[in-house]
Amino acid sequence: MNDFHRALRSLRVWDTELPDFDPATAPPEPLPLFHTWFTAAVAAGQSEPHTPSLATADEDGRPDVRTVMLHDADARGWHFASHATSAKGRQLAARPEAALGFYWPVQGRQVRVRGHVTTGTPEEAHEDLHARTTGALAAALVGRQSEVLDSTGTLAEASTAAWRRAEAEPDAPAPGWTLYLVEPVEVEFFQGDARRRHVRLRYRRTADGWVRELLWP
């Protein structure tokens, strides 16, 4: 057995006391439960609970995934942002469907969101970006996300110029910066159990509203 396999076999999950979750007490819609679980994850000390995995598909239907930052979750959907010209931006323009996966191991919880993706207005994207840090604005001003880079020196030069502009012009526009919203059609809440009797509660949107369903683990 090599070092990789020894390390892999040594790992355990949920080496902590897991909270109870009674799906009978869940609200009729998923958003309030997401807010409750998110707040609980923060209170429990979960590292970066606001960084879900975002799954999209390219023009050939091949899946793609990366970590993004959650900017909001409200009645309109789950919000994140990126350049429209990035790989994810191009994929969403061609196939406006996506899934988000949150994993909070400190409580043995996952939340999965699937749905149609829409975009906010340019004004909303501008406001969202400029409510964040100088570093976030500088990164947006660099642009060219997902393009081939010839050297780290080129990146350093572009980043330095972007930081200077972000500090001098804190309201500088970032063309192409886009606010995306995942409008959920399914939201699943997974509560891990030490005896592997995991609780899975799925909300599924229908013409008459949300339906709640338990799933086998």
Protein backbone atom coordinates (compact mmCIF):
# COMPACT_ATOMS: atom_id res chain seq x y z
CA MET A 1 0.00 0.00 0.00
CA ASN A 2 1.47 3.35 -1.02
CA ASP A 3 1.31 6.64 0.91
CA PHE A 4 -1.79 7.78 -0.96
CA HIS A 5 -3.80 4.67 -0.14
CA ARG A 6 -2.61 4.64 3.48
CA ALA A 7 -3.70 8.25 3.85
CA LEU A 8 -7.00 7.55 2.13
CA ARG A 9 -7.80 4.52 4.32
CA SER A 10 -6.90 6.41 7.50
CA LEU A 11 -9.61 9.02 7.05
CA ARG A 12 -12.90 9.07 8.91
CA VAL A 13 -15.95 11.26 8.48
CA TRP A 14 -18.03 13.14 11.04
CA ASP A 15 -15.72 12.62 13.99
CA THR A 16 -18.05 14.78 16.02
CA GLU A 17 -21.48 14.71 17.63
CA LEU A 18 -24.09 15.15 14.91
CA PRO A 19 -27.27 17.17 15.40
CA ASP A 20 -30.71 15.61 15.16
CA PHE A 21 -33.02 16.49 12.29
CA ASP A 22 -36.70 15.64 12.35
CA PRO A 23 -38.06 16.20 8.82
CA ALA A 24 -41.59 16.40 10.24
CA THR A 25 -40.66 19.79 11.70
CA ALA A 26 -39.31 21.17 8.39
CA PRO A 27 -41.01 24.26 6.95
CA PRO A 28 -43.21 23.98 3.84
CA GLU A 29 -40.58 25.68 1.63
CA PRO A 30 -36.81 25.07 1.45
CA LEU A 31 -35.42 28.60 1.82
CA PRO A 32 -36.17 29.05 5.56
CA LEU A 33 -34.58 25.68 6.32
CA PHE A 34 -31.50 26.62 4.28
CA HIS A 35 -31.17 29.86 6.25
CA THR A 36 -31.48 27.92 9.53
CA TRP A 37 -28.91 25.30 8.54
CA PHE A 38 -26.51 27.89 7.17
CA THR A 39 -26.67 29.95 10.36
CA ALA A 40 -26.14 26.77 12.41
CA ALA A 41 -23.10 25.85 10.31
CA VAL A 42 -21.58 29.27 10.95
CA ALA A 43 -22.29 29.00 14.69
CA ALA A 44 -20.73 25.52 14.76
CA GLY A 45 -17.48 26.88 13.31
CA GLN A 46 -17.77 25.41 9.82
CA SER A 47 -14.97 26.76 7.62
CA GLU A 48 -16.23 28.73 4.61
CA PRO A 49 -19.84 27.47 4.64
CA HIS A 50 -20.63 29.98 1.88
CA THR A 51 -18.49 28.25 -0.77
CA PRO A 52 -20.57 25.62 -2.59
CA SER A 53 -19.58 23.54 -5.59
CA LEU A 54 -21.26 24.73 -8.80
CA ALA A 55 -21.95 22.14 -11.49
CA THR A 56 -22.70 23.11 -15.11
CA ALA A 57 -22.45 21.40 -18.49
CA ASP A 58 -20.57 22.50 -21.60
CA GLU A 59 -21.87 22.62 -25.17
CA ASP A 60 -21.25 18.87 -25.56
CA GLY A 61 -23.10 18.02 -22.36
CA ARG A 62 -19.92 17.19 -20.43
CA PRO A 63 -20.19 18.10 -16.73
CA ASP A 64 -17.97 20.72 -15.16
CA VAL A 65 -17.64 21.73 -11.51
CA ARG A 66 -15.84 24.35 -9.44
CA THR A 67 -16.14 26.13 -6.09
CA VAL A 68 -17.89 29.52 -6.03
CA MET A 69 -18.97 31.97 -3.35
CA LEU A 70 -22.60 32.35 -2.33
CA HIS A 71 -23.67 35.99 -2.41
CA ASP A 72 -27.26 35.60 -1.23
CA ALA A 73 -30.18 33.19 -0.99
CA ASP A 74 -33.62 34.73 -1.19
CA ALA A 75 -37.03 34.24 -2.79
CA ARG A 76 -35.46 34.72 -6.24
CA GLY A 77 -32.89 31.97 -5.81
CA TRP A 78 -29.31 31.23 -4.76
CA HIS A 79 -26.93 33.99 -5.95
CA PHE A 80 -23.33 33.85 -7.18
CA ALA A 81 -21.34 35.98 -9.62
CA SER A 82 -18.71 35.63 -12.30
CA HIS A 83 -17.56 36.99 -15.64
CA ALA A 84 -19.96 36.26 -18.48
CA THR A 85 -16.92 35.34 -20.60
CA SER A 86 -15.59 32.76 -18.11
CA ALA A 87 -16.03 29.05 -18.74
CA LYS A 88 -19.00 28.89 -16.39
CA GLY A 89 -20.48 32.04 -17.92
CA ARG A 90 -20.28 30.62 -21.42
CA GLN A 91 -21.71 27.29 -20.30
CA LEU A 92 -24.62 28.96 -18.52
CA ALA A 93 -25.35 31.11 -21.56
CA ALA A 94 -25.66 27.96 -23.68
CA ARG A 95 -27.32 25.75 -21.02
CA PRO A 96 -28.88 27.84 -18.24
CA GLU A 97 -29.21 24.97 -15.77
CA ALA A 98 -26.98 24.33 -12.76
CA ALA A 99 -26.61 22.57 -9.43
CA LEU A 100 -25.08 23.79 -6.19
CA GLY A 101 -23.67 21.49 -3.52
CA PHE A 102 -22.99 22.68 0.03
CA TYR A 103 -21.08 20.37 2.39
CA TRP A 104 -20.80 21.19 6.09
CA PRO A 105 -18.93 18.25 7.69
CA VAL A 106 -18.80 19.87 11.13
CA GLN A 107 -22.49 18.87 11.39
CA GLY A 108 -22.59 16.08 8.82
CA ARG A 109 -24.87 18.09 6.55
CA GLN A 110 -25.25 18.65 2.84
CA VAL A 111 -27.62 20.83 0.85
CA ARG A 112 -28.12 20.26 -2.88
CA VAL A 113 -29.85 22.83 -5.10
CA ARG A 114 -30.84 22.23 -8.74
CA GLY A 115 -32.58 24.65 -11.04
CA HIS A 116 -32.77 27.07 -13.94
CA VAL A 117 -30.26 29.92 -13.98
CA THR A 118 -31.13 33.53 -14.70
CA THR A 119 -29.06 36.70 -14.51
CA GLY A 120 -29.58 39.83 -12.50
CA THR A 121 -29.51 43.29 -14.00
CA PRO A 122 -26.22 45.08 -14.73
CA GLU A 123 -27.08 47.45 -11.90
CA GLU A 124 -27.48 44.54 -9.48
CA ALA A 125 -24.18 43.05 -10.59
CA HIS A 126 -22.42 46.40 -10.10
CA GLU A 127 -23.93 46.86 -6.64
CA ASP A 128 -23.08 43.29 -5.64
CA LEU A 129 -19.45 43.60 -6.72
CA HIS A 130 -18.87 46.96 -5.09
CA ALA A 131 -20.33 45.79 -1.79
CA ARG A 132 -17.39 43.38 -1.54
CA THR A 133 -13.67 43.90 -0.91
CA THR A 134 -11.07 45.83 -2.86
CA GLY A 135 -9.51 42.49 -3.74
CA ALA A 136 -12.77 41.25 -5.23
CA LEU A 137 -13.02 44.36 -7.39
CA ALA A 138 -9.37 44.06 -8.44
CA ALA A 139 -9.89 40.43 -9.48
CA ALA A 140 -12.97 41.40 -11.49
CA LEU A 141 -11.05 44.21 -13.19
CA VAL A 142 -8.30 41.81 -14.25
CA GLY A 143 -10.91 39.82 -16.16
CA ARG A 144 -9.95 37.20 -18.79
CA GLN A 145 -11.05 34.41 -16.44
CA SER A 146 -10.47 30.90 -17.87
CA GLU A 147 -8.37 32.20 -20.78
CA VAL A 148 -4.94 30.69 -21.43
CA LEU A 149 -2.19 32.59 -19.53
CA ASP A 150 1.29 32.84 -21.01
CA SER A 151 3.12 33.38 -17.70
CA THR A 152 2.67 34.20 -14.02
CA GLY A 153 4.56 37.43 -14.69
CA THR A 154 1.79 38.60 -17.02
CA LEU A 155 -0.74 37.86 -14.30
CA ALA A 156 1.29 39.73 -11.68
CA GLU A 157 1.51 42.79 -13.92
CA ALA A 158 -2.23 42.79 -14.68
CA SER A 159 -3.13 42.19 -11.04
CA THR A 160 -0.93 45.04 -9.80
CA ALA A 161 -2.55 47.43 -12.26
CA ALA A 162 -6.02 46.24 -11.27
CA TRP A 163 -5.32 46.70 -7.56
CA ARG A 164 -4.10 50.24 -8.18
CA ARG A 165 -7.24 51.06 -10.13
CA ALA A 166 -9.53 49.43 -7.56
CA GLU A 167 -7.96 51.50 -4.79
CA ALA A 168 -8.08 54.72 -6.82
CA GLU A 169 -11.54 54.11 -8.31
CA PRO A 170 -13.60 52.07 -5.82
CA ASP A 171 -16.67 52.48 -8.03
CA ALA A 172 -14.91 51.39 -11.25
CA PRO A 173 -17.12 49.29 -13.55
CA ALA A 174 -16.16 45.72 -14.43
CA PRO A 175 -17.66 44.95 -17.84
CA GLY A 176 -19.05 41.47 -18.11
CA TRP A 177 -19.31 40.92 -14.38
CA THR A 178 -22.63 39.11 -13.98
CA LEU A 179 -24.88 38.15 -11.10
CA TYR A 180 -26.38 34.68 -11.52
CA LEU A 181 -29.37 33.21 -9.71
CA VAL A 182 -30.20 29.52 -9.44
CA GLU A 183 -34.00 29.32 -9.34
CA PRO A 184 -34.55 26.02 -7.49
CA VAL A 185 -36.74 23.21 -8.77
CA GLU A 186 -35.26 20.75 -6.25
CA VAL A 187 -33.54 21.31 -2.91
CA GLU A 188 -32.33 18.36 -0.84
CA PHE A 189 -31.27 18.48 2.81
CA PHE A 190 -29.03 15.64 3.98
CA GLN A 191 -28.37 15.01 7.66
CA GLY A 192 -25.70 12.42 8.35
CA ASP A 193 -26.16 9.78 11.03
CA ALA A 194 -23.39 7.86 12.80
CA ARG A 195 -25.22 4.56 12.20
CA ARG A 196 -25.67 5.46 8.51
CA ARG A 197 -29.40 6.03 8.87
CA HIS A 198 -29.03 9.34 7.12
CA VAL A 199 -32.04 11.62 6.76
CA ARG A 200 -32.65 12.95 3.25
CA LEU A 201 -35.46 15.44 2.75
CA ARG A 202 -36.12 16.65 -0.79
CA TYR A 203 -38.24 19.64 -1.72
CA ARG A 204 -39.57 19.39 -5.26
CA ARG A 205 -41.31 22.29 -6.97
CA THR A 206 -44.62 21.50 -8.71
CA ALA A 207 -47.32 23.59 -10.36
CA ASP A 208 -49.09 23.64 -6.99
CA GLY A 209 -46.07 24.56 -4.89
CA TRP A 210 -43.42 22.63 -2.99
CA VAL A 211 -43.72 18.91 -2.27
CA ARG A 212 -41.62 17.33 0.50
CA GLU A 213 -40.31 13.80 0.04
CA LEU A 214 -38.10 11.52 2.13
CA LEU A 215 -35.40 9.61 0.22
CA TRP A 216 -33.61 6.40 1.06
CA PRO A 217 -30.03 7.17 2.12
